[in-house]
Amino acid sequence: MSGPAENVLSVRNLVTSFRTERGVVHAVDGISFDVPSEGKVGLVGESGSGKSATALSILRLIDDPPGRIEGGEVLLDGRDLMKLDERELRRIRGDRVAMVFQEPMTSLNPVMTVGAQIVETIRAHRSTSRKEARRQAVELLRRVGISAPETRVDAWPHQLSGGMRQRVMIAMGLSCSPRLLIADEPTTALDVTVQAQVLELLEQARRDAGTATLLISHDLGVIAGFVDHVLVMYAGQLVERGPVREVFHHAGHPYTQALLRSSLPLVPEEMTAGELWRPRRVSSLPGRTPDRTTLPKGCRFQDRCSLVFERCRAEEPQMRAVSPAHEARCWKVGDTQ
């Protein structure tokens, strides 16, 4: 992984829990990772694995109660967001770090035009007139590929298609040229053509403004075509991390291997956006994630794993090196037997 000076984001031992009627759920359980400056990192896993809770924890947007960030560091350019007061956080959110949410229709204000919402974001962080902010809003809409931006700037969210609303969310996220953009399932429910366009917008932001991206998705095809480094999450833990090519071609954790077999009906010949795809046969991933209020002793994937053995049920594995830049949380990694 990159050294601290090269990282825009460094997460260390982040723990977030939720109080439920059945007990405490550790949605994020001691995870650590880095996002390099101008880098593209993907966080992938099944629904309920803790991906969105991780993103919300980074920005300290967890509702308390029922949620609570119990510990860890979130360093943005070396500054720990966990130690800032709410006023300081508001200055940073939308400016140094921004987030694009999964469903723009619930994230956009239905009683404000999209242009007014972009203007509001700009003026919250920049000393500029409303007229100049509106000009910037029009330019941002043009930049994200919305046709007739001079007219669409006055549109209401419900008047735009899902793809256009997502572009508006990206325009808002990029309005202050953040150091880091967190995109939580930004291509969900969009057709494949619009998905590709959204990913190209994120890549363009990296090229134009040096914006690093943390892309959260359950879709390994989207991850494969965009990121350089991938993090695999299961039941609140990171179970594998490394360069995307290495992880996809030499997965070290049985969960990652099963996820690739069951969740990736299309595999890129080359791990870059825009390449041709070839079909492959898929298989189902049996079983279900463990009850998070009563986690099993040992490996959390044990009841779904075809390679499980005695040590897996007795002792929780730690990250082990698959290669110098690639780790997996499995006792079988490095096993020469």
Protein backbone atom coordinates (compact mmCIF):
# COMPACT_ATOMS: atom_id res chain seq x y z
CA MET A 1 0.00 0.00 0.00
CA SER A 2 1.08 3.61 -0.50
CA GLY A 3 2.80 5.56 2.25
CA PRO A 4 0.86 8.12 4.32
CA ALA A 5 2.21 11.13 2.40
CA GLU A 6 0.85 9.67 -0.84
CA ASN A 7 -2.65 8.94 0.45
CA VAL A 8 -5.59 11.31 0.34
CA LEU A 9 -7.48 8.94 2.68
CA SER A 10 -6.17 6.53 5.31
CA VAL A 11 -8.67 4.53 7.35
CA ARG A 12 -7.30 2.72 10.42
CA ASN A 13 -9.19 0.19 12.58
CA LEU A 14 -12.60 1.74 11.90
CA VAL A 15 -15.40 0.24 14.01
CA THR A 16 -19.08 1.14 13.63
CA SER A 17 -21.94 -0.65 15.39
CA PHE A 18 -25.73 -0.51 15.43
CA ARG A 19 -28.00 -1.29 18.37
CA THR A 20 -30.91 -3.53 17.37
CA GLU A 21 -33.64 -5.39 19.25
CA ARG A 22 -31.63 -8.60 18.77
CA GLY A 23 -28.32 -7.17 19.92
CA VAL A 24 -25.33 -5.16 18.72
CA VAL A 25 -24.34 -5.46 15.05
CA HIS A 26 -20.77 -4.54 14.14
CA ALA A 27 -21.42 -3.27 10.61
CA VAL A 28 -17.82 -2.13 10.22
CA ASP A 29 -15.42 -4.20 12.28
CA GLY A 30 -11.86 -2.92 12.46
CA ILE A 31 -11.18 -2.21 8.79
CA SER A 32 -8.08 -0.40 7.48
CA PHE A 33 -7.26 0.79 3.97
CA ASP A 34 -5.79 3.66 1.95
CA VAL A 35 -6.92 5.64 -1.07
CA PRO A 36 -3.88 7.10 -2.90
CA SER A 37 -3.93 10.67 -4.17
CA GLU A 38 -5.65 10.63 -7.60
CA GLY A 39 -6.19 6.88 -7.12
CA LYS A 40 -9.20 4.69 -7.87
CA VAL A 41 -10.11 2.16 -5.17
CA GLY A 42 -13.11 -0.17 -5.25
CA LEU A 43 -14.99 -1.55 -2.23
CA VAL A 44 -17.02 -4.62 -3.16
CA GLY A 45 -19.21 -7.16 -1.39
CA GLU A 46 -22.75 -8.51 -1.07
CA SER A 47 -25.62 -6.36 0.18
CA GLY A 48 -25.30 -6.02 3.94
CA SER A 49 -21.55 -6.55 4.01
CA GLY A 50 -20.93 -3.07 5.46
CA LYS A 51 -19.90 -1.11 2.36
CA SER A 52 -22.32 1.81 2.73
CA ALA A 53 -21.81 1.90 6.50
CA THR A 54 -18.10 2.32 5.80
CA ALA A 55 -18.74 5.28 3.49
CA LEU A 56 -21.11 6.96 5.95
CA SER A 57 -18.66 6.35 8.80
CA ILE A 58 -15.84 8.04 6.87
CA LEU A 59 -18.00 11.17 6.59
CA ARG A 60 -19.41 10.72 10.11
CA LEU A 61 -22.96 10.55 8.80
CA ILE A 62 -24.03 7.60 10.96
CA ASP A 63 -27.25 8.35 12.84
CA ASP A 64 -26.67 8.07 16.61
CA PRO A 65 -28.80 6.30 17.78
CA PRO A 66 -29.05 3.57 16.59
CA GLY A 67 -25.54 3.68 15.11
CA ARG A 68 -22.27 4.61 16.72
CA ILE A 69 -18.69 4.99 15.48
CA GLU A 70 -16.83 3.24 18.27
CA GLY A 71 -13.25 3.77 17.24
CA GLY A 72 -10.59 4.19 14.60
CA GLU A 73 -8.98 6.95 12.57
CA VAL A 74 -10.10 8.48 9.28
CA LEU A 75 -7.24 10.61 7.98
CA LEU A 76 -8.04 12.97 5.11
CA ASP A 77 -4.74 14.44 3.94
CA GLY A 78 -3.38 13.53 7.37
CA ARG A 79 -6.20 15.20 9.34
CA ASP A 80 -8.30 12.89 11.52
CA LEU A 81 -11.99 13.50 10.77
CA MET A 82 -12.94 11.63 13.95
CA LYS A 83 -11.49 14.47 16.04
CA LEU A 84 -13.26 17.36 14.32
CA ASP A 85 -16.37 19.11 15.61
CA GLU A 86 -19.53 19.26 13.51
CA ARG A 87 -18.83 22.79 12.26
CA GLU A 88 -15.42 21.78 10.91
CA LEU A 89 -16.91 18.66 9.34
CA ARG A 90 -19.54 20.68 7.48
CA ARG A 91 -16.77 22.79 5.95
CA ILE A 92 -14.96 19.66 4.75
CA ARG A 93 -17.98 17.69 3.46
CA GLY A 94 -18.76 18.76 -0.09
CA ASP A 95 -15.45 20.61 -0.32
CA ARG A 96 -12.44 18.39 0.44
CA VAL A 97 -14.49 15.19 0.29
CA ALA A 98 -17.84 14.65 -1.44
CA MET A 99 -20.23 11.73 -1.79
CA VAL A 100 -22.50 10.53 -4.59
CA PHE A 101 -25.32 8.42 -3.17
CA GLN A 102 -26.95 5.35 -4.70
CA GLU A 103 -30.40 6.79 -5.40
CA PRO A 104 -30.34 10.43 -6.51
CA MET A 105 -34.13 10.80 -6.37
CA THR A 106 -34.00 10.44 -2.57
CA SER A 107 -30.79 12.47 -2.26
CA LEU A 108 -31.90 15.48 -4.31
CA ASN A 109 -34.31 17.95 -2.75
CA PRO A 110 -37.61 17.53 -4.67
CA VAL A 111 -38.71 21.14 -4.01
CA MET A 112 -35.55 22.80 -5.36
CA THR A 113 -34.39 22.93 -8.96
CA VAL A 114 -31.23 21.00 -9.67
CA GLY A 115 -29.40 24.24 -10.48
CA ALA A 116 -30.39 25.78 -7.16
CA GLN A 117 -29.02 22.75 -5.35
CA ILE A 118 -25.68 22.99 -7.15
CA VAL A 119 -25.56 26.74 -6.47
CA GLU A 120 -26.24 26.08 -2.78
CA THR A 121 -23.37 23.59 -2.63
CA ILE A 122 -20.93 26.00 -4.30
CA ARG A 123 -21.87 28.97 -2.11
CA ALA A 124 -21.61 26.88 1.05
CA HIS A 125 -17.87 26.48 0.41
CA ARG A 126 -16.85 29.33 -1.88
CA SER A 127 -17.16 33.11 -1.57
CA THR A 128 -18.98 33.79 -4.81
CA SER A 129 -22.10 35.60 -5.96
CA ARG A 130 -25.29 33.75 -6.78
CA LYS A 131 -24.94 34.80 -10.41
CA GLU A 132 -21.41 33.41 -10.66
CA ALA A 133 -22.42 30.21 -8.84
CA ARG A 134 -25.27 29.74 -11.33
CA ARG A 135 -22.82 30.19 -14.21
CA GLN A 136 -20.61 27.52 -12.64
CA ALA A 137 -23.65 25.26 -12.20
CA VAL A 138 -24.47 25.51 -15.90
CA GLU A 139 -20.85 24.71 -16.76
CA LEU A 140 -20.85 21.72 -14.39
CA LEU A 141 -24.01 20.33 -16.01
CA ARG A 142 -22.36 20.74 -19.40
CA ARG A 143 -19.23 19.04 -18.08
CA VAL A 144 -21.15 15.97 -16.93
CA GLY A 145 -22.82 15.61 -20.32
CA ILE A 146 -26.30 17.04 -19.73
CA SER A 147 -27.65 18.54 -22.94
CA ALA A 148 -29.05 22.08 -22.99
CA PRO A 149 -27.62 22.88 -19.51
CA GLU A 150 -28.81 26.49 -19.70
CA THR A 151 -32.39 25.12 -19.65
CA ARG A 152 -31.91 22.01 -17.52
CA VAL A 153 -30.36 24.08 -14.73
CA ASP A 154 -33.95 25.16 -13.90
CA ALA A 155 -35.41 21.64 -14.06
CA TRP A 156 -36.91 19.88 -11.06
CA PRO A 157 -35.45 16.46 -10.12
CA HIS A 158 -38.63 14.60 -11.12
CA GLN A 159 -38.35 16.05 -14.65
CA LEU A 160 -35.03 14.28 -15.28
CA SER A 161 -34.28 10.64 -16.07
CA GLY A 162 -32.40 8.45 -13.60
CA GLY A 163 -29.20 8.82 -15.58
CA MET A 164 -29.53 12.59 -15.66
CA ARG A 165 -30.23 12.77 -11.93
CA GLN A 166 -27.09 10.74 -11.27
CA ARG A 167 -25.13 13.18 -13.45
CA VAL A 168 -26.53 16.05 -11.39
CA MET A 169 -25.34 14.31 -8.22
CA ILE A 170 -21.87 13.93 -9.75
CA ALA A 171 -21.92 17.61 -10.78
CA MET A 172 -22.74 18.55 -7.18
CA GLY A 173 -20.00 16.27 -5.92
CA LEU A 174 -17.43 17.82 -8.24
CA SER A 175 -18.58 21.41 -7.77
CA CYS A 176 -15.77 22.28 -5.35
CA SER A 177 -13.09 20.04 -6.92
CA PRO A 178 -12.81 17.69 -3.92
CA ARG A 179 -9.67 15.75 -3.11
CA LEU A 180 -11.82 12.61 -2.69
CA LEU A 181 -15.14 11.53 -4.19
CA ILE A 182 -16.96 8.63 -2.54
CA ALA A 183 -19.39 7.06 -5.02
CA ASP A 184 -21.81 4.62 -3.36
CA GLU A 185 -23.35 2.34 -6.01
CA PRO A 186 -23.53 5.21 -8.54
CA THR A 187 -24.49 2.93 -11.46
CA THR A 188 -27.20 0.84 -9.78
CA ALA A 189 -30.47 0.70 -11.77
CA LEU A 190 -28.86 2.37 -14.79
CA ASP A 191 -28.57 0.62 -18.14
CA VAL A 192 -25.11 -0.47 -19.24
CA THR A 193 -24.63 2.43 -21.64
CA VAL A 194 -25.37 5.01 -18.93
CA GLN A 195 -23.20 3.03 -16.47
CA ALA A 196 -20.23 3.40 -18.79
CA GLN A 197 -20.91 7.13 -19.17
CA VAL A 198 -21.07 7.63 -15.39
CA LEU A 199 -17.76 5.80 -14.89
CA GLU A 200 -16.18 7.90 -17.63
CA LEU A 201 -17.31 11.04 -15.77
CA LEU A 202 -15.54 9.81 -12.63
CA GLU A 203 -12.41 9.07 -14.65
CA GLN A 204 -12.59 12.50 -16.27
CA ALA A 205 -12.75 14.11 -12.80
CA ARG A 206 -9.59 12.28 -11.82
CA ARG A 207 -7.80 13.46 -14.95
CA ASP A 208 -9.04 17.05 -14.83
CA ALA A 209 -8.95 17.86 -11.11
CA GLY A 210 -6.87 15.07 -9.59
CA THR A 211 -9.90 13.80 -7.66
CA ALA A 212 -9.36 10.39 -6.07
CA THR A 213 -12.33 7.98 -6.08
CA LEU A 214 -13.60 5.38 -3.62
CA LEU A 215 -16.13 3.41 -5.69
CA ILE A 216 -18.53 1.22 -3.74
CA SER A 217 -20.37 -1.49 -5.69
CA HIS A 218 -21.72 -5.03 -5.56
CA ASP A 219 -21.05 -5.29 -9.31
CA LEU A 220 -17.63 -6.80 -9.97
CA GLY A 221 -17.92 -5.94 -13.65
CA VAL A 222 -18.13 -2.23 -12.78
CA ILE A 223 -15.23 -2.58 -10.33
CA ALA A 224 -13.08 -4.45 -12.87
CA GLY A 225 -13.52 -1.81 -15.50
CA PHE A 226 -12.71 1.21 -13.35
CA VAL A 227 -10.49 0.78 -10.28
CA ASP A 228 -6.80 0.10 -9.80
CA HIS A 229 -7.07 -1.41 -6.32
CA VAL A 230 -9.93 -3.48 -4.88
CA LEU A 231 -11.11 -4.17 -1.32
CA VAL A 232 -13.42 -7.14 -0.71
CA MET A 233 -15.74 -6.90 2.30
CA TYR A 234 -17.63 -9.69 4.05
CA ALA A 235 -19.69 -9.49 7.28
CA GLY A 236 -18.11 -6.21 8.33
CA GLN A 237 -14.49 -7.20 7.66
CA LEU A 238 -12.09 -6.76 4.78
CA VAL A 239 -11.28 -10.28 3.61
CA GLU A 240 -9.09 -9.44 0.62
CA ARG A 241 -7.31 -6.44 -0.87
CA GLY A 242 -4.84 -5.84 -3.65
CA PRO A 243 -4.38 -4.66 -7.24
CA VAL A 244 -7.57 -5.40 -9.18
CA ARG A 245 -5.83 -7.58 -11.79
CA GLU A 246 -4.19 -9.73 -9.12
CA VAL A 247 -7.33 -10.14 -7.05
CA PHE A 248 -9.52 -10.99 -10.05
CA HIS A 249 -7.04 -13.42 -11.61
CA HIS A 250 -5.53 -14.90 -8.41
CA ALA A 251 -8.17 -14.46 -5.70
CA GLY A 252 -6.85 -15.71 -2.36
CA HIS A 253 -10.04 -15.84 -0.30
CA PRO A 254 -12.76 -18.44 -1.00
CA TYR A 255 -15.39 -15.71 -0.70
CA THR A 256 -13.75 -13.62 -3.42
CA GLN A 257 -13.46 -16.72 -5.59
CA ALA A 258 -17.16 -17.52 -5.06
CA LEU A 259 -18.15 -13.91 -5.66
CA LEU A 260 -16.29 -13.90 -8.96
CA ARG A 261 -17.98 -17.14 -10.03
CA SER A 262 -21.47 -16.05 -9.01
CA SER A 263 -21.54 -12.30 -9.56
CA LEU A 264 -19.56 -11.71 -12.73
CA PRO A 265 -21.44 -12.90 -15.81
CA LEU A 266 -19.08 -10.81 -17.94
CA VAL A 267 -15.32 -10.63 -17.51
CA PRO A 268 -13.12 -8.03 -19.22
CA GLU A 269 -10.33 -9.26 -21.41
CA GLU A 270 -8.45 -6.21 -20.12
CA MET A 271 -9.15 -4.55 -16.76
CA THR A 272 -9.74 -1.12 -18.29
CA ALA A 273 -12.91 0.75 -19.17
CA GLY A 274 -14.12 0.44 -22.73
CA GLU A 275 -12.57 -2.95 -23.51
CA LEU A 276 -14.51 -5.82 -25.04
CA TRP A 277 -16.20 -8.26 -22.69
CA ARG A 278 -16.45 -12.02 -23.05
CA PRO A 279 -19.18 -14.15 -21.45
CA ARG A 280 -18.44 -16.81 -18.87
CA ARG A 281 -20.54 -19.39 -17.05
CA VAL A 282 -21.57 -18.48 -13.50
CA SER A 283 -22.50 -20.50 -10.42
CA SER A 284 -24.50 -19.57 -7.33
CA LEU A 285 -22.99 -18.65 -3.97
CA PRO A 286 -24.69 -20.98 -1.46
CA GLY A 287 -25.74 -20.06 2.06
CA ARG A 288 -26.11 -16.67 3.68
CA THR A 289 -24.03 -14.26 5.71
CA PRO A 290 -23.80 -15.06 9.44
CA ASP A 291 -26.08 -13.49 12.04
CA ARG A 292 -24.14 -10.37 12.92
CA THR A 293 -25.41 -10.35 16.52
CA THR A 294 -24.01 -13.85 17.18
CA LEU A 295 -20.95 -14.22 14.98
CA PRO A 296 -19.32 -17.67 14.90
CA LYS A 297 -15.95 -18.31 16.47
CA GLY A 298 -13.22 -18.40 13.84
CA CYS A 299 -13.70 -17.43 10.20
CA ARG A 300 -16.96 -15.66 9.37
CA PHE A 301 -17.18 -17.40 6.00
CA GLN A 302 -16.82 -20.93 7.43
CA ASP A 303 -20.43 -22.09 6.89
CA ARG A 304 -20.32 -21.18 3.17
CA CYS A 305 -16.78 -22.32 2.43
CA SER A 306 -15.94 -25.55 0.60
CA LEU A 307 -12.35 -25.42 1.92
CA VAL A 308 -13.21 -25.13 5.63
CA PHE A 309 -11.11 -27.17 8.08
CA GLU A 310 -10.73 -27.40 11.86
CA ARG A 311 -8.62 -24.27 12.35
CA CYS A 312 -11.20 -22.15 10.48
CA ARG A 313 -13.82 -22.93 13.15
CA ALA A 314 -11.47 -22.40 16.10
CA GLU A 315 -9.39 -19.35 15.20
CA GLU A 316 -10.18 -16.14 13.33
CA PRO A 317 -7.74 -15.67 10.43
CA GLN A 318 -5.76 -12.49 9.95
CA MET A 319 -4.64 -10.99 6.64
CA ARG A 320 -1.93 -13.10 5.01
CA ALA A 321 0.21 -12.22 1.99
CA VAL A 322 -0.80 -13.71 -1.36
CA SER A 323 1.91 -11.56 -2.95
CA PRO A 324 3.77 -8.44 -1.76
CA ALA A 325 0.83 -6.15 -2.64
CA HIS A 326 -2.04 -8.63 -2.22
CA GLU A 327 -3.53 -9.97 1.04
CA ALA A 328 -6.39 -12.29 1.99
CA ARG A 329 -7.94 -13.23 5.34
CA CYS A 330 -7.71 -17.01 4.98
CA TRP A 331 -5.70 -19.79 6.66
CA LYS A 332 -5.25 -21.46 3.27
CA VAL A 333 -3.22 -18.54 1.91
CA GLY A 334 0.40 -19.65 1.76
CA ASP A 335 -0.57 -23.23 2.63
CA THR A 336 1.88 -25.49 0.77
CA GLN A 337 0.10 -28.73 1.61
